[in-house]
Amino acid sequence: MPKKVAVGLVTRDSAAKTRRVELPRLIQHPKYKKYLRRRTICHVHDEKEESNMGDTVEIIECRPYSKTKRWELVRVVTKSTAVDLAAMKAAKAAEAESQES
């Protein structure tokens, strides 16, 4: 039986070599026929730690690495373009401080 392959968004990267990936999907309500947004959470093994928060990644089913981790990172499809404002402010403050000295 072939392994499942999915594409999702990295929502958490705080643990070492582990990423939390959300797979969005739409389901139709059985009675009212309205489409509802649902998500599946997968814990993914990222050996080289090449993905970060906000990246779109491709994952594949694998052997269990732990109680919840059953997916492996194949590749990073797109990198995140989000900007960390706190880091930018800290860098700007450090630059201003060094120019004053």
PDB file of N, CA and C in Angstrom:
ATOM      1  N   MET A   1       0.836  -1.181   0.000  1.00  0.00           N
ATOM      2  CA  MET A   1       0.000   0.000   0.000  1.00  0.00           C
ATOM      3  C   MET A   1       0.883   1.248   0.000  1.00  0.00           C
ATOM      4  N   PRO A   2       0.647   2.216  -0.888  1.00  0.00           N
ATOM      5  CA  PRO A   2       1.491   3.405  -0.944  1.00  0.00           C
ATOM      6  C   PRO A   2       1.300   4.295   0.275  1.00  0.00           C
ATOM      7  N   LYS A   3       2.358   5.019   0.598  1.00  0.00           N
ATOM      8  CA  LYS A   3       2.311   5.921   1.739  1.00  0.00           C
ATOM      9  C   LYS A   3       1.552   7.191   1.363  1.00  0.00           C
ATOM     10  N   LYS A   4       0.857   7.772   2.343  1.00  0.00           N
ATOM     11  CA  LYS A   4       0.118   9.006   2.105  1.00  0.00           C
ATOM     12  C   LYS A   4       1.083  10.180   2.034  1.00  0.00           C
ATOM     13  N   VAL A   5       0.802  11.108   1.137  1.00  0.00           N
ATOM     14  CA  VAL A   5       1.582  12.334   0.994  1.00  0.00           C
ATOM     15  C   VAL A   5       0.623  13.498   1.172  1.00  0.00           C
ATOM     16  N   ALA A   6       1.055  14.533   1.910  1.00  0.00           N
ATOM     17  CA  ALA A   6       0.187  15.687   2.154  1.00  0.00           C
ATOM     18  C   ALA A   6       1.010  16.963   2.135  1.00  0.00           C
ATOM     19  N   VAL A   7       0.323  18.088   1.919  1.00  0.00           N
ATOM     20  CA  VAL A   7       0.952  19.403   1.945  1.00  0.00           C
ATOM     21  C   VAL A   7       0.230  20.234   2.990  1.00  0.00           C
ATOM     22  N   GLY A   8       0.994  20.844   3.909  1.00  0.00           N
ATOM     23  CA  GLY A   8       0.382  21.623   4.981  1.00  0.00           C
ATOM     24  C   GLY A   8       1.255  22.772   5.420  1.00  0.00           C
ATOM     25  N   LEU A   9       0.792  23.482   6.439  1.00  0.00           N
ATOM     26  CA  LEU A   9       1.444  24.677   6.951  1.00  0.00           C
ATOM     27  C   LEU A   9       2.041  24.392   8.324  1.00  0.00           C
ATOM     28  N   VAL A  10       3.310  24.765   8.537  1.00  0.00           N
ATOM     29  CA  VAL A  10       3.967  24.576   9.832  1.00  0.00           C
ATOM     30  C   VAL A  10       3.425  25.626  10.801  1.00  0.00           C
ATOM     31  N   THR A  11       2.847  25.169  11.924  1.00  0.00           N
ATOM     32  CA  THR A  11       2.278  26.095  12.900  1.00  0.00           C
ATOM     33  C   THR A  11       3.085  26.167  14.185  1.00  0.00           C
ATOM     34  N   ARG A  12       3.996  25.234  14.388  1.00  0.00           N
ATOM     35  CA  ARG A  12       4.810  25.261  15.602  1.00  0.00           C
ATOM     36  C   ARG A  12       6.150  24.601  15.311  1.00  0.00           C
ATOM     37  N   ASP A  13       7.235  25.244  15.763  1.00  0.00           N
ATOM     38  CA  ASP A  13       8.570  24.676  15.552  1.00  0.00           C
ATOM     39  C   ASP A  13       9.434  24.789  16.788  1.00  0.00           C
ATOM     40  N   SER A  14       8.806  24.709  17.969  1.00  0.00           N
ATOM     41  CA  SER A  14       9.544  24.915  19.211  1.00  0.00           C
ATOM     42  C   SER A  14      10.346  23.689  19.661  1.00  0.00           C
ATOM     43  N   ALA A  15       9.900  22.499  19.329  1.00  0.00           N
ATOM     44  CA  ALA A  15      10.616  21.284  19.754  1.00  0.00           C
ATOM     45  C   ALA A  15      11.736  20.948  18.766  1.00  0.00           C
ATOM     46  N   ALA A  16      12.762  20.292  19.260  1.00  0.00           N
ATOM     47  CA  ALA A  16      13.895  19.915  18.416  1.00  0.00           C
ATOM     48  C   ALA A  16      13.484  18.782  17.474  1.00  0.00           C
ATOM     49  N   LYS A  17      13.746  18.953  16.173  1.00  0.00           N
ATOM     50  CA  LYS A  17      13.491  17.962  15.126  1.00  0.00           C
ATOM     51  C   LYS A  17      12.017  17.577  14.983  1.00  0.00           C
ATOM     52  N   THR A  18      11.116  18.386  15.530  1.00  0.00           N
ATOM     53  CA  THR A  18       9.684  18.116  15.420  1.00  0.00           C
ATOM     54  C   THR A  18       8.966  19.386  14.989  1.00  0.00           C
ATOM     55  N   ARG A  19       8.046  19.234  14.051  1.00  0.00           N
ATOM     56  CA  ARG A  19       7.229  20.345  13.589  1.00  0.00           C
ATOM     57  C   ARG A  19       5.768  19.939  13.688  1.00  0.00           C
ATOM     58  N   ARG A  20       4.919  20.917  13.988  1.00  0.00           N
ATOM     59  CA  ARG A  20       3.475  20.669  13.998  1.00  0.00           C
ATOM     60  C   ARG A  20       2.918  21.252  12.708  1.00  0.00           C
ATOM     61  N   VAL A  21       2.283  20.416  11.910  1.00  0.00           N
ATOM     62  CA  VAL A  21       1.784  20.826  10.600  1.00  0.00           C
ATOM     63  C   VAL A  21       0.270  20.691  10.585  1.00  0.00           C
ATOM     64  N   GLU A  22      -0.404  21.733  10.090  1.00  0.00           N
ATOM     65  CA  GLU A  22      -1.857  21.703   9.963  1.00  0.00           C
ATOM     66  C   GLU A  22      -2.234  21.446   8.509  1.00  0.00           C
ATOM     67  N   LEU A  23      -3.157  20.515   8.319  1.00  0.00           N
ATOM     68  CA  LEU A  23      -3.678  20.207   6.993  1.00  0.00           C
ATOM     69  C   LEU A  23      -5.130  20.674   6.943  1.00  0.00           C
ATOM     70  N   PRO A  24      -5.412  21.787   6.259  1.00  0.00           N
ATOM     71  CA  PRO A  24      -6.799  22.276   6.204  1.00  0.00           C
ATOM     72  C   PRO A  24      -7.639  21.449   5.242  1.00  0.00           C
ATOM     73  N   ARG A  25      -8.939  21.333   5.536  1.00  0.00           N
ATOM     74  CA  ARG A  25      -9.855  20.607   4.666  1.00  0.00           C
ATOM     75  C   ARG A  25     -11.251  21.178   4.841  1.00  0.00           C
ATOM     76  N   LEU A  26     -12.097  20.940   3.884  1.00  0.00           N
ATOM     77  CA  LEU A  26     -13.492  21.361   3.942  1.00  0.00           C
ATOM     78  C   LEU A  26     -14.371  20.120   4.019  1.00  0.00           C
ATOM     79  N   ILE A  27     -15.378  20.176   4.906  1.00  0.00           N
ATOM     80  CA  ILE A  27     -16.365  19.100   4.965  1.00  0.00           C
ATOM     81  C   ILE A  27     -17.749  19.716   4.789  1.00  0.00           C
ATOM     82  N   GLN A  28     -18.671  18.927   4.299  1.00  0.00           N
ATOM     83  CA  GLN A  28     -20.029  19.409   4.121  1.00  0.00           C
ATOM     84  C   GLN A  28     -20.897  18.872   5.253  1.00  0.00           C
ATOM     85  N   HIS A  29     -21.652  19.761   5.893  1.00  0.00           N
ATOM     86  CA  HIS A  29     -22.540  19.348   6.968  1.00  0.00           C
ATOM     87  C   HIS A  29     -23.597  18.403   6.400  1.00  0.00           C
ATOM     88  N   PRO A  30     -23.844  17.259   7.057  1.00  0.00           N
ATOM     89  CA  PRO A  30     -24.750  16.269   6.483  1.00  0.00           C
ATOM     90  C   PRO A  30     -26.193  16.759   6.327  1.00  0.00           C
ATOM     91  N   LYS A  31     -26.655  17.600   7.237  1.00  0.00           N
ATOM     92  CA  LYS A  31     -28.042  18.056   7.176  1.00  0.00           C
ATOM     93  C   LYS A  31     -28.182  19.397   6.454  1.00  0.00           C
ATOM     94  N   TYR A  32     -27.353  20.370   6.837  1.00  0.00           N
ATOM     95  CA  TYR A  32     -27.519  21.731   6.331  1.00  0.00           C
ATOM     96  C   TYR A  32     -26.724  22.021   5.060  1.00  0.00           C
ATOM     97  N   LYS A  33     -25.853  21.115   4.680  1.00  0.00           N
ATOM     98  CA  LYS A  33     -25.078  21.214   3.432  1.00  0.00           C
ATOM     99  C   LYS A  33     -24.112  22.405   3.390  1.00  0.00           C
ATOM    100  N   LYS A  34     -23.878  23.042   4.526  1.00  0.00           N
ATOM    101  CA  LYS A  34     -22.915  24.146   4.580  1.00  0.00           C
ATOM    102  C   LYS A  34     -21.512  23.562   4.660  1.00  0.00           C
ATOM    103  N   TYR A  35     -20.560  24.209   3.986  1.00  0.00           N
ATOM    104  CA  TYR A  35     -19.177  23.757   4.038  1.00  0.00           C
ATOM    105  C   TYR A  35     -18.498  24.325   5.268  1.00  0.00           C
ATOM    106  N   LEU A  36     -17.849  23.469   6.021  1.00  0.00           N
ATOM    107  CA  LEU A  36     -17.181  23.850   7.261  1.00  0.00           C
ATOM    108  C   LEU A  36     -15.680  23.625   7.124  1.00  0.00           C
ATOM    109  N   ARG A  37     -14.913  24.519   7.703  1.00  0.00           N
ATOM    110  CA  ARG A  37     -13.455  24.369   7.697  1.00  0.00           C
ATOM    111  C   ARG A  37     -13.034  23.495   8.873  1.00  0.00           C
ATOM    112  N   ARG A  38     -12.256  22.494   8.584  1.00  0.00           N
ATOM    113  CA  ARG A  38     -11.695  21.618   9.608  1.00  0.00           C
ATOM    114  C   ARG A  38     -10.200  21.505   9.351  1.00  0.00           C
ATOM    115  N   ARG A  39      -9.463  21.030  10.333  1.00  0.00           N
ATOM    116  CA  ARG A  39      -8.029  20.865  10.155  1.00  0.00           C
ATOM    117  C   ARG A  39      -7.577  19.571  10.818  1.00  0.00           C
ATOM    118  N   THR A  40      -6.520  19.013  10.266  1.00  0.00           N
ATOM    119  CA  THR A  40      -5.883  17.836  10.833  1.00  0.00           C
ATOM    120  C   THR A  40      -4.492  18.256  11.279  1.00  0.00           C
ATOM    121  N   ILE A  41      -4.134  17.905  12.509  1.00  0.00           N
ATOM    122  CA  ILE A  41      -2.830  18.247  13.058  1.00  0.00           C
ATOM    123  C   ILE A  41      -1.921  17.025  12.945  1.00  0.00           C
ATOM    124  N   CYS A  42      -0.738  17.215  12.347  1.00  0.00           N
ATOM    125  CA  CYS A  42       0.243  16.139  12.217  1.00  0.00           C
ATOM    126  C   CYS A  42       1.546  16.585  12.860  1.00  0.00           C
ATOM    127  N   HIS A  43       2.154  15.707  13.624  1.00  0.00           N
ATOM    128  CA  HIS A  43       3.484  15.974  14.154  1.00  0.00           C
ATOM    129  C   HIS A  43       4.479  15.317  13.204  1.00  0.00           C
ATOM    130  N   VAL A  44       5.447  16.118  12.740  1.00  0.00           N
ATOM    131  CA  VAL A  44       6.331  15.723  11.655  1.00  0.00           C
ATOM    132  C   VAL A  44       7.775  15.683  12.139  1.00  0.00           C
ATOM    133  N   HIS A  45       8.505  14.658  11.713  1.00  0.00           N
ATOM    134  CA  HIS A  45       9.935  14.544  12.029  1.00  0.00           C
ATOM    135  C   HIS A  45      10.727  15.318  10.980  1.00  0.00           C
ATOM    136  N   ASP A  46      11.506  16.302  11.443  1.00  0.00           N
ATOM    137  CA  ASP A  46      12.341  17.140  10.577  1.00  0.00           C
ATOM    138  C   ASP A  46      13.790  16.967  11.037  1.00  0.00           C
ATOM    139  N   GLU A  47      14.474  15.993  10.476  1.00  0.00           N
ATOM    140  CA  GLU A  47      15.815  15.621  10.918  1.00  0.00           C
ATOM    141  C   GLU A  47      16.806  16.773  10.815  1.00  0.00           C
ATOM    142  N   LYS A  48      16.806  17.492   9.709  1.00  0.00           N
ATOM    143  CA  LYS A  48      17.787  18.567   9.484  1.00  0.00           C
ATOM    144  C   LYS A  48      17.294  19.929   9.962  1.00  0.00           C
ATOM    145  N   GLU A  49      16.097  19.998  10.506  1.00  0.00           N
ATOM    146  CA  GLU A  49      15.481  21.234  10.991  1.00  0.00           C
ATOM    147  C   GLU A  49      15.528  22.328   9.924  1.00  0.00           C
ATOM    148  N   GLU A  50      15.067  21.985   8.715  1.00  0.00           N
ATOM    149  CA  GLU A  50      15.103  22.935   7.606  1.00  0.00           C
ATOM    150  C   GLU A  50      13.823  23.739   7.464  1.00  0.00           C
ATOM    151  N   SER A  51      12.751  23.375   8.164  1.00  0.00           N
ATOM    152  CA  SER A  51      11.499  24.131   8.077  1.00  0.00           C
ATOM    153  C   SER A  51      11.337  25.026   9.301  1.00  0.00           C
ATOM    154  N   ASN A  52      10.595  26.112   9.112  1.00  0.00           N
ATOM    155  CA  ASN A  52      10.321  27.058  10.189  1.00  0.00           C
ATOM    156  C   ASN A  52       8.839  27.367  10.219  1.00  0.00           C
ATOM    157  N   MET A  53       8.442  28.147  11.210  1.00  0.00           N
ATOM    158  CA  MET A  53       7.048  28.513  11.366  1.00  0.00           C
ATOM    159  C   MET A  53       6.548  29.286  10.141  1.00  0.00           C
ATOM    160  N   GLY A  54       5.376  28.910   9.645  1.00  0.00           N
ATOM    161  CA  GLY A  54       4.777  29.592   8.511  1.00  0.00           C
ATOM    162  C   GLY A  54       5.125  28.994   7.159  1.00  0.00           C
ATOM    163  N   ASP A  55       6.064  28.051   7.107  1.00  0.00           N
ATOM    164  CA  ASP A  55       6.443  27.422   5.836  1.00  0.00           C
ATOM    165  C   ASP A  55       5.371  26.435   5.376  1.00  0.00           C
ATOM    166  N   THR A  56       5.237  26.295   4.078  1.00  0.00           N
ATOM    167  CA  THR A  56       4.388  25.251   3.508  1.00  0.00           C
ATOM    168  C   THR A  56       5.294  24.073   3.187  1.00  0.00           C
ATOM    169  N   VAL A  57       4.943  22.891   3.709  1.00  0.00           N
ATOM    170  CA  VAL A  57       5.814  21.730   3.577  1.00  0.00           C
ATOM    171  C   VAL A  57       5.053  20.538   3.011  1.00  0.00           C
ATOM    172  N   GLU A  58       5.818  19.620   2.413  1.00  0.00           N
ATOM    173  CA  GLU A  58       5.279  18.358   1.933  1.00  0.00           C
ATOM    174  C   GLU A  58       5.731  17.280   2.901  1.00  0.00           C
ATOM    175  N   ILE A  59       4.790  16.451   3.360  1.00  0.00           N
ATOM    176  CA  ILE A  59       5.102  15.406   4.339  1.00  0.00           C
ATOM    177  C   ILE A  59       4.624  14.055   3.821  1.00  0.00           C
ATOM    178  N   ILE A  60       5.205  12.996   4.393  1.00  0.00           N
ATOM    179  CA  ILE A  60       4.855  11.640   3.980  1.00  0.00           C
ATOM    180  C   ILE A  60       4.735  10.762   5.226  1.00  0.00           C
ATOM    181  N   GLU A  61       3.858   9.786   5.146  1.00  0.00           N
ATOM    182  CA  GLU A  61       3.675   8.842   6.249  1.00  0.00           C
ATOM    183  C   GLU A  61       4.953   8.036   6.465  1.00  0.00           C
ATOM    184  N   CYS A  62       5.227   7.677   7.721  1.00  0.00           N
ATOM    185  CA  CYS A  62       6.421   6.880   8.014  1.00  0.00           C
ATOM    186  C   CYS A  62       6.172   6.034   9.263  1.00  0.00           C
ATOM    187  N   ARG A  63       7.205   5.366   9.680  1.00  0.00           N
ATOM    188  CA  ARG A  63       7.114   4.563  10.897  1.00  0.00           C
ATOM    189  C   ARG A  63       6.924   5.483  12.101  1.00  0.00           C
ATOM    190  N   PRO A  64       6.362   5.000  13.205  1.00  0.00           N
ATOM    191  CA  PRO A  64       6.187   5.858  14.384  1.00  0.00           C
ATOM    192  C   PRO A  64       7.525   6.235  15.019  1.00  0.00           C
ATOM    193  N   TYR A  65       7.779   7.525  15.161  1.00  0.00           N
ATOM    194  CA  TYR A  65       8.967   8.015  15.863  1.00  0.00           C
ATOM    195  C   TYR A  65       8.685   8.173  17.347  1.00  0.00           C
ATOM    196  N   SER A  66       7.426   8.464  17.685  1.00  0.00           N
ATOM    197  CA  SER A  66       7.031   8.620  19.085  1.00  0.00           C
ATOM    198  C   SER A  66       5.531   8.344  19.178  1.00  0.00           C
ATOM    199  N   LYS A  67       4.932   8.698  20.306  1.00  0.00           N
ATOM    200  CA  LYS A  67       3.504   8.449  20.508  1.00  0.00           C
ATOM    201  C   LYS A  67       2.645   9.179  19.471  1.00  0.00           C
ATOM    202  N   THR A  68       3.017  10.399  19.129  1.00  0.00           N
ATOM    203  CA  THR A  68       2.197  11.188  18.202  1.00  0.00           C
ATOM    204  C   THR A  68       2.855  11.438  16.848  1.00  0.00           C
ATOM    205  N   LYS A  69       4.153  11.215  16.729  1.00  0.00           N
ATOM    206  CA  LYS A  69       4.885  11.571  15.509  1.00  0.00           C
ATOM    207  C   LYS A  69       4.927  10.397  14.532  1.00  0.00           C
ATOM    208  N   ARG A  70       4.152  10.551  13.409  1.00  0.00           N
ATOM    209  CA  ARG A  70       4.062   9.481  12.406  1.00  0.00           C
ATOM    210  C   ARG A  70       4.242   9.988  10.988  1.00  0.00           C
ATOM    211  N   TRP A  71       4.791  11.173  10.842  1.00  0.00           N
ATOM    212  CA  TRP A  71       5.018  11.768   9.528  1.00  0.00           C
ATOM    213  C   TRP A  71       6.462  12.246   9.437  1.00  0.00           C
ATOM    214  N   GLU A  72       6.959  12.336   8.208  1.00  0.00           N
ATOM    215  CA  GLU A  72       8.335  12.754   7.947  1.00  0.00           C
ATOM    216  C   GLU A  72       8.318  13.891   6.924  1.00  0.00           C
ATOM    217  N   LEU A  73       9.223  14.837   7.075  1.00  0.00           N
ATOM    218  CA  LEU A  73       9.318  15.949   6.140  1.00  0.00           C
ATOM    219  C   LEU A  73       9.980  15.486   4.845  1.00  0.00           C
ATOM    220  N   VAL A  74       9.360  15.801   3.704  1.00  0.00           N
ATOM    221  CA  VAL A  74       9.933  15.483   2.399  1.00  0.00           C
ATOM    222  C   VAL A  74      10.707  16.688   1.888  1.00  0.00           C
ATOM    223  N   ARG A  75      10.011  17.853   1.825  1.00  0.00           N
ATOM    224  CA  ARG A  75      10.652  19.072   1.341  1.00  0.00           C
ATOM    225  C   ARG A  75       9.854  20.284   1.793  1.00  0.00           C
ATOM    226  N   VAL A  76      10.509  21.428   1.755  1.00  0.00           N
ATOM    227  CA  VAL A  76       9.843  22.693   2.024  1.00  0.00           C
ATOM    228  C   VAL A  76       9.367  23.233   0.681  1.00  0.00           C
ATOM    229  N   VAL A  77       8.053  23.383   0.519  1.00  0.00           N
ATOM    230  CA  VAL A  77       7.488  23.850  -0.743  1.00  0.00           C
ATOM    231  C   VAL A  77       7.722  25.348  -0.894  1.00  0.00           C
ATOM    232  N   THR A  78       7.304  26.140   0.101  1.00  0.00           N
ATOM    233  CA  THR A  78       7.552  27.586   0.092  1.00  0.00           C
ATOM    234  C   THR A  78       7.965  28.041   1.477  1.00  0.00           C
ATOM    235  N   LYS A  79       8.897  28.973   1.516  1.00  0.00           N
ATOM    236  CA  LYS A  79       9.349  29.545   2.782  1.00  0.00           C
ATOM    237  C   LYS A  79       8.384  30.639   3.216  1.00  0.00           C
ATOM    238  N   SER A  80       8.321  30.888   4.506  1.00  0.00           N
ATOM    239  CA  SER A  80       7.456  31.920   5.052  1.00  0.00           C
ATOM    240  C   SER A  80       8.017  33.303   4.728  1.00  0.00           C
ATOM    241  N   THR A  81       7.119  34.245   4.467  1.00  0.00           N
ATOM    242  CA  THR A  81       7.548  35.621   4.196  1.00  0.00           C
ATOM    243  C   THR A  81       7.189  36.542   5.347  1.00  0.00           C
ATOM    244  N   ALA A  82       6.752  35.989   6.470  1.00  0.00           N
ATOM    245  CA  ALA A  82       6.387  36.796   7.637  1.00  0.00           C
ATOM    246  C   ALA A  82       7.630  37.441   8.238  1.00  0.00           C
ATOM    247  N   VAL A  83       7.452  38.641   8.768  1.00  0.00           N
ATOM    248  CA  VAL A  83       8.556  39.399   9.344  1.00  0.00           C
ATOM    249  C   VAL A  83       8.385  39.419  10.855  1.00  0.00           C
ATOM    250  N   ASP A  84       9.476  39.170  11.583  1.00  0.00           N
ATOM    251  CA  ASP A  84       9.455  39.208  13.039  1.00  0.00           C
ATOM    252  C   ASP A  84       9.714  40.647  13.480  1.00  0.00           C
ATOM    253  N   LEU A  85       8.665  41.352  13.888  1.00  0.00           N
ATOM    254  CA  LEU A  85       8.777  42.763  14.252  1.00  0.00           C
ATOM    255  C   LEU A  85       9.610  42.968  15.507  1.00  0.00           C
ATOM    256  N   ALA A  86       9.494  42.068  16.477  1.00  0.00           N
ATOM    257  CA  ALA A  86      10.253  42.209  17.718  1.00  0.00           C
ATOM    258  C   ALA A  86      11.754  42.134  17.445  1.00  0.00           C
ATOM    259  N   ALA A  87      12.152  41.216  16.571  1.00  0.00           N
ATOM    260  CA  ALA A  87      13.575  41.080  16.234  1.00  0.00           C
ATOM    261  C   ALA A  87      14.072  42.312  15.483  1.00  0.00           C
ATOM    262  N   MET A  88      13.225  42.869  14.595  1.00  0.00           N
ATOM    263  CA  MET A  88      13.622  44.071  13.858  1.00  0.00           C
ATOM    264  C   MET A  88      13.804  45.261  14.790  1.00  0.00           C
ATOM    265  N   LYS A  89      12.904  45.429  15.769  1.00  0.00           N
ATOM    266  CA  LYS A  89      13.012  46.529  16.728  1.00  0.00           C
ATOM    267  C   LYS A  89      14.257  46.379  17.588  1.00  0.00           C
ATOM    268  N   ALA A  90      14.550  45.151  18.009  1.00  0.00           N
ATOM    269  CA  ALA A  90      15.730  44.911  18.833  1.00  0.00           C
ATOM    270  C   ALA A  90      17.003  45.200  18.043  1.00  0.00           C
ATOM    271  N   ALA A  91      17.033  44.814  16.769  1.00  0.00           N
ATOM    272  CA  ALA A  91      18.204  45.081  15.934  1.00  0.00           C
ATOM    273  C   ALA A  91      18.379  46.572  15.707  1.00  0.00           C
ATOM    274  N   LYS A  92      17.281  47.288  15.496  1.00  0.00           N
ATOM    275  CA  LYS A  92      17.344  48.725  15.277  1.00  0.00           C
ATOM    276  C   LYS A  92      17.822  49.439  16.554  1.00  0.00           C
ATOM    277  N   ALA A  93      17.359  48.989  17.721  1.00  0.00           N
ATOM    278  CA  ALA A  93      17.782  49.569  18.986  1.00  0.00           C
ATOM    279  C   ALA A  93      19.265  49.321  19.239  1.00  0.00           C
ATOM    280  N   ALA A  94      19.738  48.115  18.916  1.00  0.00           N
ATOM    281  CA  ALA A  94      21.148  47.799  19.099  1.00  0.00           C
ATOM    282  C   ALA A  94      22.018  48.617  18.167  1.00  0.00           C
ATOM    283  N   GLU A  95      21.534  48.852  16.938  1.00  0.00           N
ATOM    284  CA  GLU A  95      22.276  49.674  15.967  1.00  0.00           C
ATOM    285  C   GLU A  95      22.358  51.126  16.429  1.00  0.00           C
ATOM    286  N   ALA A  96      21.241  51.648  16.963  1.00  0.00           N
ATOM    287  CA  ALA A  96      21.235  53.039  17.447  1.00  0.00           C
ATOM    288  C   ALA A  96      22.161  53.194  18.648  1.00  0.00           C
ATOM    289  N   GLU A  97      22.188  52.189  19.512  1.00  0.00           N
ATOM    290  CA  GLU A  97      23.051  52.223  20.703  1.00  0.00           C
ATOM    291  C   GLU A  97      24.523  52.195  20.312  1.00  0.00           C
ATOM    292  N   SER A  98      24.860  51.406  19.300  1.00  0.00           N
ATOM    293  CA  SER A  98      26.259  51.317  18.874  1.00  0.00           C
ATOM    294  C   SER A  98      26.713  52.594  18.191  1.00  0.00           C
ATOM    295  N   GLN A  99      25.806  53.317  17.525  1.00  0.00           N
ATOM    296  CA  GLN A  99      26.171  54.568  16.875  1.00  0.00           C
ATOM    297  C   GLN A  99      26.370  55.684  17.904  1.00  0.00           C
ATOM    298  N   GLU A 100      25.658  55.628  19.031  1.00  0.00           N
ATOM    299  CA  GLU A 100      25.809  56.625  20.096  1.00  0.00           C
ATOM    300  C   GLU A 100      27.147  56.519  20.786  1.00  0.00           C
ATOM    301  N   SER A 101      27.689  55.326  20.859  1.00  0.00           N
ATOM    302  CA  SER A 101      28.956  55.099  21.594  1.00  0.00           C
ATOM    303  C   SER A 101      30.162  55.602  20.837  1.00  0.00           C
TER     304      SER A 101
END
